[in-house]
Amino acid sequence: MKNGRTAMTVRSGNIEFLRVNAVVWRWRDMYHWLLSLSWPRFSLFLLTCYLGVNVLFAALYVSVPGGVAELAEHSYANAFFFSVETLATVGYGHMYPVSVAAHLIATTEIVVGMFGMAVTTGLIFVRFSRPTANLLFSRNLVLSNFDGQPALMMRVANQRHQAVVEAEFRIMMIRTTQTEEGELMARFHELKLQVEGIIIFPAAMTIRHLIDESSPLHGMTAAEFERDSVRFMASVACVDVVVPAAVHSQASYTWREVKFGERFVEIYTEAPGDGRWVVDYGRLHETEPAPVGK
């Protein structure tokens, strides 16, 4: 089932897409939509549904005069709390249905409460049990020399207290160029990375794309980045060994988030005496001036 077509916004990090003439809603998407809500919005949605159901059934009880024992006529507040007790199947006994119509309304509300409780319990369980990645991407990309060669660099860190495994890194560039027919077209280029995967990912590392003659970034200047509205999409897919399950995280950058002539500061130091490596997460985003090769 679909309910109309209109414009809607879809965000991917800092990049925003406005989709027009797209299907707005399918009932089968309700489950995915509920799981994608943040916890505050999810809680607000459940509270709204709960209050809405009780408001509706309270109005039905009030519409049946004498249907509920000891329910004062036109006492909507008492009808509301009677609805709350019925929906929860508490049944204090002070008020109870006495007419056939009131019994039917109470029966319907109990059935709605049973199904609602089952659905809510399932959704909360899935939200708690669903594995998620806890990765932190650098706020910016940097472009400077590495080992005497220009490189585009990104830093990513694992914020879990346990290492993840089988991490795979990808960066894709989106560049708007003109075809030979004079049409503007967004072209997608997957950038070859110096390290595309790592067996164990315990802390933080810098991901590099070396810019050589085969690179789509070869010879590009900062002005050309702006002219072509260059954007980057980065992703990390790995396996959480605690659950265990595959998890994924992504980030996006526009040409404004690319710092030319900068490099990330060193965040690794060796602790004296015990040989452990100290990783300063507080400096994860910090950069410093560095030369850019030709």
Protein backbone atom coordinates (compact mmCIF):
# COMPACT_ATOMS: atom_id res chain seq x y z
CA MET A 1 0.00 0.00 0.00
CA LYS A 2 1.22 3.49 -0.76
CA ASN A 3 -0.11 6.84 0.32
CA GLY A 4 0.64 9.50 -2.26
CA ARG A 5 3.80 11.00 -3.65
CA THR A 6 5.55 14.17 -2.58
CA ALA A 7 8.99 15.57 -1.83
CA MET A 8 10.97 14.12 1.06
CA THR A 9 14.45 14.66 2.46
CA VAL A 10 17.01 11.90 2.92
CA ARG A 11 20.28 12.67 4.68
CA SER A 12 23.58 10.83 4.47
CA GLY A 13 25.85 12.55 6.96
CA ASN A 14 26.41 16.10 5.69
CA ILE A 15 24.92 15.35 2.27
CA GLU A 16 21.20 15.92 1.81
CA PHE A 17 19.04 14.58 -1.00
CA LEU A 18 15.57 15.91 -1.82
CA ARG A 19 13.57 13.10 -3.40
CA VAL A 20 10.53 14.20 -5.42
CA ASN A 21 7.72 12.08 -6.86
CA ALA A 22 8.79 9.20 -4.64
CA VAL A 23 6.50 6.89 -2.73
CA VAL A 24 6.10 8.52 0.66
CA TRP A 25 4.78 5.68 2.76
CA ARG A 26 4.26 1.95 2.62
CA TRP A 27 2.67 0.17 5.53
CA ARG A 28 5.45 -2.43 5.45
CA ASP A 29 7.92 0.40 6.17
CA MET A 30 6.34 1.04 9.59
CA TYR A 31 8.56 -1.55 11.26
CA HIS A 32 11.73 -0.10 9.72
CA TRP A 33 10.65 3.45 10.57
CA LEU A 34 10.05 2.56 14.23
CA LEU A 35 13.47 0.91 14.50
CA SER A 36 15.18 3.91 12.89
CA LEU A 37 13.76 6.42 15.40
CA SER A 38 16.00 7.74 18.14
CA TRP A 39 15.15 6.54 21.64
CA PRO A 40 13.53 9.87 22.68
CA ARG A 41 11.34 9.90 19.56
CA PHE A 42 10.52 6.22 19.91
CA SER A 43 9.47 6.77 23.54
CA LEU A 44 7.39 9.80 22.54
CA PHE A 45 5.70 7.75 19.81
CA LEU A 46 4.77 4.96 22.26
CA LEU A 47 3.49 7.48 24.82
CA THR A 48 1.39 9.24 22.17
CA CYS A 49 -0.13 5.94 21.02
CA TYR A 50 -0.84 4.90 24.60
CA LEU A 51 -2.57 8.16 25.47
CA GLY A 52 -4.40 8.21 22.16
CA VAL A 53 -5.86 4.73 22.68
CA ASN A 54 -7.02 5.60 26.19
CA VAL A 55 -8.53 8.90 25.05
CA LEU A 56 -10.47 7.05 22.33
CA PHE A 57 -11.84 4.33 24.62
CA ALA A 58 -12.65 6.85 27.36
CA ALA A 59 -14.83 8.67 24.84
CA LEU A 60 -16.55 5.38 23.96
CA TYR A 61 -17.30 4.63 27.63
CA VAL A 62 -18.73 8.11 28.13
CA SER A 63 -20.89 7.63 25.04
CA VAL A 64 -22.65 4.68 26.74
CA PRO A 65 -24.52 6.20 29.73
CA GLY A 66 -24.85 3.71 32.59
CA GLY A 67 -22.64 1.19 30.83
CA VAL A 68 -19.98 1.27 33.53
CA ALA A 69 -20.94 0.91 37.18
CA GLU A 70 -20.15 3.87 39.44
CA LEU A 71 -18.94 5.95 36.48
CA ALA A 72 -20.41 9.39 36.96
CA GLU A 73 -22.26 10.70 33.92
CA HIS A 74 -20.05 12.88 31.69
CA SER A 75 -17.05 12.17 33.95
CA TYR A 76 -14.41 11.93 31.26
CA ALA A 77 -11.52 11.82 33.75
CA ASN A 78 -12.93 8.73 35.49
CA ALA A 79 -13.64 7.14 32.09
CA PHE A 80 -10.03 7.76 31.07
CA PHE A 81 -8.60 6.09 34.16
CA PHE A 82 -11.06 3.20 33.79
CA SER A 83 -9.71 2.81 30.25
CA VAL A 84 -6.14 2.76 31.60
CA GLU A 85 -7.06 0.00 34.07
CA THR A 86 -8.89 -2.00 31.40
CA LEU A 87 -6.08 -1.68 28.85
CA ALA A 88 -3.61 -2.97 31.44
CA THR A 89 -6.11 -5.68 32.54
CA VAL A 90 -5.66 -4.48 36.15
CA GLY A 91 -9.35 -4.45 37.08
CA TYR A 92 -9.50 -2.75 40.50
CA GLY A 93 -13.21 -3.56 40.75
CA HIS A 94 -14.44 -0.10 41.71
CA MET A 95 -15.77 0.49 38.21
CA TYR A 96 -16.80 -2.32 35.88
CA PRO A 97 -18.92 -2.71 32.74
CA VAL A 98 -22.55 -3.65 33.31
CA SER A 99 -24.14 -3.28 29.85
CA VAL A 100 -23.53 -5.34 26.72
CA ALA A 101 -22.20 -2.31 24.87
CA ALA A 102 -19.73 -1.50 27.66
CA HIS A 103 -18.64 -5.16 27.80
CA LEU A 104 -17.96 -5.12 24.06
CA ILE A 105 -15.92 -1.91 24.35
CA ALA A 106 -13.93 -3.36 27.27
CA THR A 107 -13.33 -6.61 25.38
CA THR A 108 -12.08 -4.70 22.34
CA GLU A 109 -9.78 -2.60 24.50
CA ILE A 110 -8.32 -5.67 26.21
CA VAL A 111 -7.59 -7.26 22.83
CA VAL A 112 -5.96 -4.02 21.63
CA GLY A 113 -3.91 -3.92 24.84
CA MET A 114 -2.73 -7.52 24.41
CA PHE A 115 -1.62 -6.95 20.81
CA GLY A 116 -0.13 -3.57 21.67
CA MET A 117 1.90 -5.02 24.54
CA ALA A 118 3.22 -7.82 22.33
CA VAL A 119 4.22 -5.42 19.56
CA THR A 120 5.82 -2.94 21.97
CA THR A 121 7.77 -5.68 23.75
CA GLY A 122 9.05 -6.98 20.42
CA LEU A 123 10.11 -3.55 19.21
CA ILE A 124 11.94 -2.74 22.45
CA PHE A 125 13.69 -6.12 22.40
CA VAL A 126 14.84 -5.63 18.79
CA ARG A 127 16.08 -2.11 19.51
CA PHE A 128 18.10 -3.32 22.50
CA SER A 129 19.44 -6.47 20.81
CA ARG A 130 20.26 -4.91 17.43
CA PRO A 131 24.05 -4.64 17.05
CA THR A 132 25.40 -1.23 16.12
CA ALA A 133 28.86 0.10 15.40
CA ASN A 134 30.33 2.76 17.64
CA LEU A 135 32.88 4.32 15.32
CA LEU A 136 34.06 7.91 15.33
CA PHE A 137 35.07 9.55 12.04
CA SER A 138 37.27 12.61 11.82
CA ARG A 139 35.40 15.86 11.20
CA ASN A 140 37.57 16.60 8.17
CA LEU A 141 39.55 14.93 5.45
CA VAL A 142 43.08 16.17 4.92
CA LEU A 143 45.18 16.29 1.77
CA SER A 144 48.94 16.49 2.07
CA ASN A 145 52.09 14.50 1.47
CA PHE A 146 52.60 11.05 2.90
CA ASP A 147 55.90 9.30 2.18
CA GLY A 148 56.64 11.98 -0.42
CA GLN A 149 53.38 11.44 -2.29
CA PRO A 150 50.09 13.40 -2.11
CA ALA A 151 47.42 11.52 -0.19
CA LEU A 152 43.84 12.05 0.88
CA MET A 153 43.48 10.96 4.50
CA MET A 154 40.67 10.22 6.93
CA ARG A 155 40.87 9.11 10.54
CA VAL A 156 38.45 6.67 12.16
CA ALA A 157 38.37 5.30 15.70
CA ASN A 158 36.68 2.39 17.43
CA GLN A 159 34.91 3.65 20.55
CA ARG A 160 33.94 0.23 21.89
CA HIS A 161 35.85 -1.19 24.83
CA GLN A 162 36.41 -4.35 22.81
CA ALA A 163 38.18 -4.64 19.47
CA VAL A 164 36.13 -5.36 16.35
CA VAL A 165 37.43 -7.70 13.67
CA GLU A 166 37.48 -7.97 9.89
CA ALA A 167 37.13 -4.22 9.40
CA GLU A 168 36.78 -3.10 5.77
CA PHE A 169 37.22 0.53 4.73
CA ARG A 170 35.83 2.26 1.65
CA ILE A 171 35.84 5.83 0.37
CA MET A 172 33.89 6.98 -2.68
CA MET A 173 34.18 10.35 -4.39
CA ILE A 174 31.23 12.03 -6.09
CA ARG A 175 32.20 14.66 -8.65
CA THR A 176 29.89 16.74 -10.83
CA THR A 177 31.34 17.03 -14.34
CA GLN A 178 30.09 17.96 -17.78
CA THR A 179 29.64 15.35 -20.46
CA GLU A 180 30.65 15.87 -24.08
CA GLU A 181 27.00 16.67 -24.79
CA GLY A 182 27.13 19.54 -22.31
CA GLU A 183 25.07 17.88 -19.55
CA LEU A 184 26.07 18.01 -15.90
CA MET A 185 26.43 14.56 -14.38
CA ALA A 186 27.44 13.22 -10.98
CA ARG A 187 30.20 10.68 -11.45
CA PHE A 188 31.10 8.14 -8.77
CA HIS A 189 34.72 7.08 -8.23
CA GLU A 190 35.75 4.50 -5.66
CA LEU A 191 39.13 5.46 -4.26
CA LYS A 192 41.77 2.78 -3.87
CA LEU A 193 43.00 2.82 -0.29
CA GLN A 194 46.46 2.05 0.96
CA VAL A 195 44.90 -0.27 3.58
CA GLU A 196 41.43 -1.50 2.65
CA GLY A 197 40.97 -3.89 5.56
CA ILE A 198 42.41 -4.88 8.89
CA ILE A 199 41.99 -8.13 10.81
CA ILE A 200 41.65 -6.54 14.26
CA PHE A 201 40.58 -2.93 14.81
CA PRO A 202 41.16 -2.07 18.49
CA ALA A 203 41.62 1.72 18.54
CA ALA A 204 42.18 4.31 15.81
CA MET A 205 43.87 4.50 12.45
CA THR A 206 44.35 6.82 9.50
CA ILE A 207 42.93 5.68 6.16
CA ARG A 208 44.88 6.93 3.13
CA HIS A 209 44.25 7.17 -0.59
CA LEU A 210 47.56 7.77 -2.38
CA ILE A 211 47.12 10.20 -5.29
CA ASP A 212 49.07 8.90 -8.28
CA GLU A 213 48.48 9.09 -12.03
CA SER A 214 45.66 6.54 -11.82
CA SER A 215 43.79 8.39 -9.07
CA PRO A 216 40.66 10.39 -9.97
CA LEU A 217 42.07 13.11 -7.69
CA HIS A 218 45.31 13.41 -9.67
CA GLY A 219 46.12 17.04 -10.41
CA MET A 220 42.97 18.42 -8.80
CA THR A 221 43.25 21.69 -6.90
CA ALA A 222 41.13 23.14 -4.10
CA ALA A 223 39.40 25.40 -6.64
CA GLU A 224 38.46 22.38 -8.75
CA PHE A 225 37.06 20.64 -5.67
CA GLU A 226 34.72 23.59 -5.18
CA ARG A 227 33.88 23.96 -8.89
CA ASP A 228 32.90 20.29 -9.22
CA SER A 229 31.08 20.13 -5.85
CA VAL A 230 33.25 17.22 -4.81
CA ARG A 231 31.82 15.04 -2.05
CA PHE A 232 33.11 11.94 -0.31
CA MET A 233 31.26 9.04 1.28
CA ALA A 234 33.15 6.78 3.68
CA SER A 235 32.07 3.52 5.25
CA VAL A 236 33.45 0.94 7.65
CA ALA A 237 32.01 -2.57 7.85
CA CYS A 238 33.24 -4.88 10.60
CA VAL A 239 32.22 -7.71 12.91
CA ASP A 240 31.36 -7.17 16.56
CA VAL A 241 32.78 -10.19 18.39
CA VAL A 242 30.60 -9.74 21.48
CA VAL A 243 27.22 -10.23 19.75
CA PRO A 244 28.63 -11.51 17.25
CA ALA A 245 27.24 -9.76 14.17
CA ALA A 246 28.25 -7.60 11.25
CA VAL A 247 27.98 -3.85 11.93
CA HIS A 248 28.37 -0.84 9.69
CA SER A 249 28.98 2.87 10.05
CA GLN A 250 29.35 5.68 7.54
CA ALA A 251 30.22 9.34 7.17
CA SER A 252 30.17 11.90 4.40
CA TYR A 253 32.16 15.00 3.57
CA THR A 254 31.78 17.90 1.14
CA TRP A 255 34.62 19.84 -0.44
CA ARG A 256 34.35 22.28 2.46
CA GLU A 257 35.49 19.55 4.89
CA VAL A 258 38.71 18.85 2.96
CA LYS A 259 41.75 20.60 4.43
CA PHE A 260 44.54 21.10 1.89
CA GLY A 261 48.06 21.25 3.24
CA GLU A 262 47.09 19.69 6.57
CA ARG A 263 47.77 16.34 8.21
CA PHE A 264 46.45 14.65 11.34
CA VAL A 265 48.52 15.05 14.47
CA GLU A 266 50.04 11.95 16.03
CA ILE A 267 47.81 10.43 18.70
CA TYR A 268 49.85 7.31 19.50
CA THR A 269 52.55 7.33 22.17
CA GLU A 270 54.23 4.43 23.91
CA ALA A 271 53.76 4.28 27.64
CA PRO A 272 57.14 4.15 29.40
CA GLY A 273 57.96 0.91 31.16
CA ASP A 274 55.12 -1.42 30.20
CA GLY A 275 55.15 -1.17 26.39
CA ARG A 276 51.47 -0.26 26.07
CA TRP A 277 50.30 2.19 23.42
CA VAL A 278 48.46 5.29 24.61
CA VAL A 279 45.85 6.59 22.13
CA ASP A 280 44.67 10.16 22.72
CA TYR A 281 41.07 10.24 21.45
CA GLY A 282 40.83 13.89 22.47
CA ARG A 283 43.13 14.83 19.57
CA LEU A 284 41.46 12.63 16.98
CA HIS A 285 40.26 15.60 14.89
CA GLU A 286 43.32 17.82 15.29
CA THR A 287 45.43 18.68 12.25
CA GLU A 288 48.66 20.54 11.59
CA PRO A 289 50.25 22.16 8.51
CA ALA A 290 52.00 19.81 6.11
CA PRO A 291 53.39 20.09 2.56
CA VAL A 292 51.36 19.10 -0.48
CA GLY A 293 53.20 17.43 -3.35
CA LYS A 294 52.90 18.29 -7.00
